[in-house]
């Protein structure tokens, strides 16, 4: 299976208006009107990359992974079937909300909703940040990355590599177990961490990452977070594996947001998988 990128992310929110303010005024996304209880957020030429829907719970709702076309989606469904995974076609309403031509969905071993799609719609006009951000780093690298906490990191790794075709970037055993996976040159589009380490036995979206080209934009956004009294969950720092210079803040839906710059790119011809001794070179203090 040849997944191209993390195409979109769906979030559930008890207070979607609060997330809208955070996404636009703090993170610099562009709000796009949605359907019913859905609000979309744009960060590039796509119609949207993130959707928040009103719910009785907060957190991650679904994760959309892009395939090349309808033929690739049909082939992926056959591969899933060969592995005993039942993929269900999207309803017309789901296709309208996602703004895609075709989509199927299923659950991974931890119960996260995985969506495979093709034919994403382009937005009208150029992306215009609600702040003064020039752009986010997306394109063939996709939205950014998501980190999911799970009671069984090894089972998640096997499913995403053996069934979905992701490749291992690196792994970690201390201070908690983690595995980082890529599907394009971005160091990781998804990672799994040990949920019980964080005191939670159920799967959950720990954070999603947005990348900008300039580290000064990271610093300016960090100042804005401090000025607006947004909870900082990890201070400025640099990761040891993807070299991302970033900080983490808590969004109104309880999901953390990593805002960073300078992530390394992987060349599969030369990349060597290693076990990293820890997540950070410096900073990222809790």
Protein backbone atom coordinates (compact mmCIF):
# COMPACT_ATOMS: atom_id res chain seq x y z
CA UNK A 1 0.00 0.00 0.00
CA UNK A 2 1.38 3.38 -1.01
CA UNK A 3 0.03 6.04 1.33
CA UNK A 4 1.23 9.46 0.23
CA UNK A 5 0.66 11.67 3.26
CA UNK A 6 -1.43 12.65 6.25
CA UNK A 7 -4.11 14.52 4.35
CA UNK A 8 -6.46 15.70 7.06
CA UNK A 9 -7.36 15.45 10.72
CA UNK A 10 -10.78 15.40 12.37
CA UNK A 11 -11.33 16.64 15.92
CA UNK A 12 -14.31 16.42 18.27
CA UNK A 13 -15.06 19.41 20.51
CA UNK A 14 -17.49 20.20 23.28
CA UNK A 15 -16.77 23.88 22.65
CA UNK A 16 -15.96 24.21 18.95
CA UNK A 17 -16.06 28.01 19.04
CA UNK A 18 -13.18 28.02 21.53
CA UNK A 19 -11.13 25.86 19.18
CA UNK A 20 -11.93 28.19 16.29
CA UNK A 21 -10.49 31.13 18.21
CA UNK A 22 -7.38 29.11 19.11
CA UNK A 23 -6.87 27.80 15.58
CA UNK A 24 -7.15 31.22 13.93
CA UNK A 25 -5.91 33.80 16.45
CA UNK A 26 -3.10 31.67 17.91
CA UNK A 27 -2.08 29.12 15.27
CA UNK A 28 -2.83 31.30 12.26
CA UNK A 29 -5.12 28.96 10.32
CA UNK A 30 -7.83 30.20 8.00
CA UNK A 31 -11.40 29.34 9.01
CA UNK A 32 -13.62 27.91 6.28
CA UNK A 33 -17.37 27.55 6.80
CA UNK A 34 -18.52 23.96 7.12
CA UNK A 35 -21.65 21.87 7.20
CA UNK A 36 -24.00 21.40 10.16
CA UNK A 37 -21.74 21.08 13.21
CA UNK A 38 -18.46 21.06 11.24
CA UNK A 39 -15.96 23.89 10.87
CA UNK A 40 -12.94 23.58 8.60
CA UNK A 41 -9.47 25.08 8.86
CA UNK A 42 -7.15 25.74 5.95
CA UNK A 43 -3.35 25.96 6.05
CA UNK A 44 -2.44 25.64 2.35
CA UNK A 45 -4.05 25.23 -1.07
CA UNK A 46 -6.33 22.41 0.08
CA UNK A 47 -9.93 23.23 0.97
CA UNK A 48 -9.01 22.29 4.53
CA UNK A 49 -6.62 20.16 6.53
CA UNK A 50 -8.38 20.14 9.91
CA UNK A 51 -12.06 19.81 10.76
CA UNK A 52 -13.63 20.27 14.17
CA UNK A 53 -17.14 18.94 14.84
CA UNK A 54 -19.38 19.62 17.82
CA UNK A 55 -19.57 16.61 20.13
CA UNK A 56 -20.11 15.53 23.72
CA UNK A 57 -16.41 14.70 23.93
CA UNK A 58 -13.07 16.30 23.14
CA UNK A 59 -10.18 14.75 21.21
CA UNK A 60 -9.18 13.11 17.96
CA UNK A 61 -12.01 11.78 15.79
CA UNK A 62 -10.43 10.53 12.55
CA UNK A 63 -7.18 10.56 10.57
CA UNK A 64 -7.21 10.84 6.77
CA UNK A 65 -4.40 9.24 4.74
CA UNK A 66 -4.13 10.07 1.05
CA UNK A 67 -3.76 7.63 -1.83
CA UNK A 68 -2.99 8.53 -5.44
CA UNK A 69 -6.34 7.82 -7.08
CA UNK A 70 -9.44 5.59 -7.20
CA UNK A 71 -7.44 2.60 -8.46
CA UNK A 72 -5.04 2.90 -5.53
CA UNK A 73 -7.98 3.05 -3.14
CA UNK A 74 -9.51 -0.10 -4.62
CA UNK A 75 -6.16 -1.88 -4.39
CA UNK A 76 -5.81 -0.77 -0.77
CA UNK A 77 -9.24 -2.20 0.03
CA UNK A 78 -8.15 -5.54 -1.43
CA UNK A 79 -4.99 -5.49 0.71
CA UNK A 80 -7.00 -4.68 3.81
CA UNK A 81 -9.36 -7.55 3.06
CA UNK A 82 -6.41 -9.92 2.66
CA UNK A 83 -5.38 -8.95 6.20
CA UNK A 84 -8.88 -9.45 7.56
CA UNK A 85 -9.58 -5.73 7.94
CA UNK A 86 -13.08 -4.62 7.05
CA UNK A 87 -13.10 -1.23 5.34
CA UNK A 88 -16.45 0.50 4.94
CA UNK A 89 -17.19 3.05 2.21
CA UNK A 90 -17.89 6.62 3.25
CA UNK A 91 -21.39 7.99 3.14
CA UNK A 92 -22.16 10.82 0.75
CA UNK A 93 -22.34 13.19 3.71
CA UNK A 94 -18.88 12.12 4.90
CA UNK A 95 -17.47 12.72 1.41
CA UNK A 96 -19.01 16.19 1.40
CA UNK A 97 -17.54 17.09 4.79
CA UNK A 98 -14.08 15.73 3.91
CA UNK A 99 -14.22 17.34 0.43
CA UNK A 100 -12.79 14.21 -1.19
CA UNK A 101 -13.79 12.10 -4.20
CA UNK A 102 -13.60 8.74 -2.45
CA UNK A 103 -12.95 7.40 1.05
CA UNK A 104 -13.13 4.22 3.11
CA UNK A 105 -12.72 3.88 6.86
CA UNK A 106 -11.82 1.23 9.44
CA UNK A 107 -10.38 0.93 12.94
CA UNK A 108 -6.75 0.24 13.80
CA UNK A 109 -5.93 -2.25 16.61
CA UNK A 110 -6.30 0.47 19.26
CA UNK A 111 -9.67 1.63 17.96
CA UNK A 112 -8.61 4.80 16.15
CA UNK A 113 -10.65 5.62 13.05
CA UNK A 114 -8.39 5.44 9.98
CA UNK A 115 -9.60 6.90 6.69
CA UNK A 116 -8.04 6.25 3.27
CA UNK A 117 -9.04 8.73 0.58
CA UNK A 118 -8.25 10.22 -2.80
CA UNK A 119 -9.25 13.33 -4.70
CA UNK A 120 -8.96 16.14 -2.16
CA UNK A 121 -10.60 19.42 -3.17
CA UNK A 122 -8.57 22.59 -3.64
CA UNK A 123 -9.64 25.69 -1.72
CA UNK A 124 -10.88 28.90 -3.32
CA UNK A 125 -8.15 31.48 -3.83
CA UNK A 126 -4.89 31.58 -1.93
CA UNK A 127 -4.46 30.55 1.69
CA UNK A 128 -4.79 33.62 3.90
CA UNK A 129 -3.65 33.27 7.48
CA UNK A 130 -5.90 34.75 10.15
CA UNK A 131 -2.65 36.10 11.59
CA UNK A 132 0.39 37.24 9.63
CA UNK A 133 1.87 33.82 8.89
CA UNK A 134 3.16 33.37 5.36
CA UNK A 135 2.74 29.61 5.03
CA UNK A 136 2.93 26.20 6.65
CA UNK A 137 5.15 23.39 5.36
CA UNK A 138 2.79 20.89 3.72
CA UNK A 139 2.77 19.85 0.04
CA UNK A 140 3.96 16.28 -0.48
CA UNK A 141 4.84 16.15 3.23
CA UNK A 142 1.20 16.43 4.23
CA UNK A 143 -0.52 18.18 7.11
CA UNK A 144 2.23 17.55 9.66
CA UNK A 145 2.13 14.67 12.10
CA UNK A 146 -0.07 13.12 14.76
CA UNK A 147 1.06 11.28 17.88
CA UNK A 148 -1.35 8.70 19.27
CA UNK A 149 -1.08 7.14 22.72
CA UNK A 150 -1.87 3.45 22.89
CA UNK A 151 -1.70 0.65 25.47
CA UNK A 152 0.18 -1.52 22.94
CA UNK A 153 2.75 0.38 20.89
CA UNK A 154 4.15 -2.80 19.30
CA UNK A 155 0.74 -3.85 17.97
CA UNK A 156 0.23 -0.42 16.43
CA UNK A 157 3.65 -0.53 14.80
CA UNK A 158 2.99 -3.94 13.27
CA UNK A 159 -0.37 -2.87 11.85
CA UNK A 160 0.86 0.36 10.32
CA UNK A 161 4.00 -1.19 8.83
CA UNK A 162 2.76 -4.65 7.82
CA UNK A 163 -0.75 -3.68 6.67
CA UNK A 164 -0.61 0.01 5.74
CA UNK A 165 2.95 0.13 4.45
CA UNK A 166 4.48 2.76 6.74
CA UNK A 167 8.23 2.67 7.38
CA UNK A 168 9.96 2.93 10.75
CA UNK A 169 11.97 6.10 11.25
CA UNK A 170 13.25 5.32 14.74
CA UNK A 171 12.17 3.95 18.10
CA UNK A 172 12.56 4.84 21.77
CA UNK A 173 12.35 2.89 25.03
CA UNK A 174 13.07 5.56 27.68
CA UNK A 175 11.53 7.45 29.39
CA UNK A 176 8.59 5.76 27.62
CA UNK A 177 8.15 3.42 24.67
CA UNK A 178 7.57 5.07 21.31
CA UNK A 179 7.82 4.36 17.60
CA UNK A 180 7.99 6.94 14.80
CA UNK A 181 6.76 6.09 11.29
CA UNK A 182 7.00 7.82 7.93
CA UNK A 183 5.30 7.51 4.57
CA UNK A 184 7.10 10.33 2.73
CA UNK A 185 10.28 12.34 3.46
CA UNK A 186 8.80 13.98 6.58
CA UNK A 187 10.57 12.31 9.52
CA UNK A 188 7.29 11.01 10.89
CA UNK A 189 3.69 11.49 9.90
CA UNK A 190 2.49 9.38 12.80
CA UNK A 191 4.00 8.15 16.06
CA UNK A 192 2.76 5.92 18.84
CA UNK A 193 3.62 6.40 22.49
CA UNK A 194 2.90 4.36 25.59
CA UNK A 195 -0.46 5.53 26.92
CA UNK A 196 -0.13 4.04 30.44
CA UNK A 197 3.01 6.16 30.93
CA UNK A 198 0.72 9.18 30.73
CA UNK A 199 -1.75 7.55 33.12
CA UNK A 200 -4.34 6.72 30.44
CA UNK A 201 -5.23 3.19 29.34
CA UNK A 202 -7.48 4.23 26.43
CA UNK A 203 -6.13 5.32 23.03
CA UNK A 204 -6.07 9.08 22.53
CA UNK A 205 -4.58 11.79 20.32
CA UNK A 206 -1.70 13.26 22.30
CA UNK A 207 -0.85 16.02 19.81
CA UNK A 208 -0.75 17.15 16.22
CA UNK A 209 2.17 19.09 14.75
CA UNK A 210 2.20 22.10 12.43
CA UNK A 211 5.47 23.18 10.82
CA UNK A 212 6.45 26.65 9.58
CA UNK A 213 9.56 27.56 7.55
CA UNK A 214 11.07 30.08 9.98
CA UNK A 215 12.08 29.47 13.60
CA UNK A 216 11.30 33.13 14.30
CA UNK A 217 7.67 32.34 13.54
CA UNK A 218 7.86 29.68 16.23
CA UNK A 219 9.23 32.24 18.68
CA UNK A 220 6.61 34.84 17.78
CA UNK A 221 3.84 32.29 18.20
CA UNK A 222 5.32 31.21 21.53
CA UNK A 223 5.20 34.83 22.71
CA UNK A 224 1.58 35.05 21.57
CA UNK A 225 0.70 31.89 23.52
CA UNK A 226 2.27 33.39 26.64
CA UNK A 227 0.54 36.74 26.11
CA UNK A 228 -2.87 35.06 25.72
CA UNK A 229 -2.36 32.77 28.74
CA UNK A 230 -2.70 29.63 26.63
CA UNK A 231 -1.41 26.67 28.67
CA UNK A 232 2.14 25.74 27.62
CA UNK A 233 2.59 22.00 28.05
CA UNK A 234 6.21 21.88 26.86
CA UNK A 235 8.53 24.85 26.57
CA UNK A 236 10.73 25.67 23.59
CA UNK A 237 13.15 22.88 22.77
CA UNK A 238 14.62 20.67 20.03
CA UNK A 239 13.84 17.02 19.49
CA UNK A 240 16.64 14.48 19.17
CA UNK A 241 15.19 12.54 16.23
CA UNK A 242 13.47 14.91 13.79
CA UNK A 243 15.47 17.94 15.03
CA UNK A 244 12.26 19.97 15.29
CA UNK A 245 12.59 23.27 17.13
CA UNK A 246 9.20 23.64 18.76
CA UNK A 247 6.93 24.12 21.73
CA UNK A 248 3.66 22.52 22.81
CA UNK A 249 0.44 24.20 23.87
CA UNK A 250 -2.88 22.78 25.01
CA UNK A 251 -5.76 23.38 22.65
CA UNK A 252 -9.35 23.87 23.87
CA UNK A 253 -10.17 20.28 22.87
CA UNK A 254 -7.53 18.91 25.25
CA UNK A 255 -5.24 17.83 22.41
CA UNK A 256 -1.75 19.32 22.51
CA UNK A 257 -0.41 21.26 19.53
CA UNK A 258 3.26 21.14 18.57
CA UNK A 259 4.27 24.25 16.63
CA UNK A 260 7.71 23.92 15.11
CA UNK A 261 10.32 24.51 12.44
CA UNK A 262 13.38 22.77 11.00
CA UNK A 263 12.29 19.13 10.83
CA UNK A 264 14.71 16.79 9.05
CA UNK A 265 13.73 14.90 5.89
CA UNK A 266 14.31 11.19 5.35
CA UNK A 267 15.93 9.63 2.29
CA UNK A 268 15.01 5.95 2.44
CA UNK A 269 18.11 5.06 0.40
CA UNK A 270 20.42 6.21 3.18
CA UNK A 271 18.32 6.43 6.35
CA UNK A 272 19.24 4.03 9.16
CA UNK A 273 16.68 3.17 11.83
CA UNK A 274 18.04 3.74 15.33
CA UNK A 275 16.84 3.63 18.91
CA UNK A 276 17.08 7.14 20.27
CA UNK A 277 18.11 7.59 23.93
CA UNK A 278 15.40 10.16 24.64
CA UNK A 279 13.05 12.60 22.92
CA UNK A 280 14.95 15.88 23.34
CA UNK A 281 18.36 17.44 22.81
CA UNK A 282 17.37 20.31 25.09
CA UNK A 283 14.29 22.11 26.39
CA UNK A 284 10.71 20.89 26.02
CA UNK A 285 10.32 21.16 29.77
CA UNK A 286 6.96 20.24 31.24
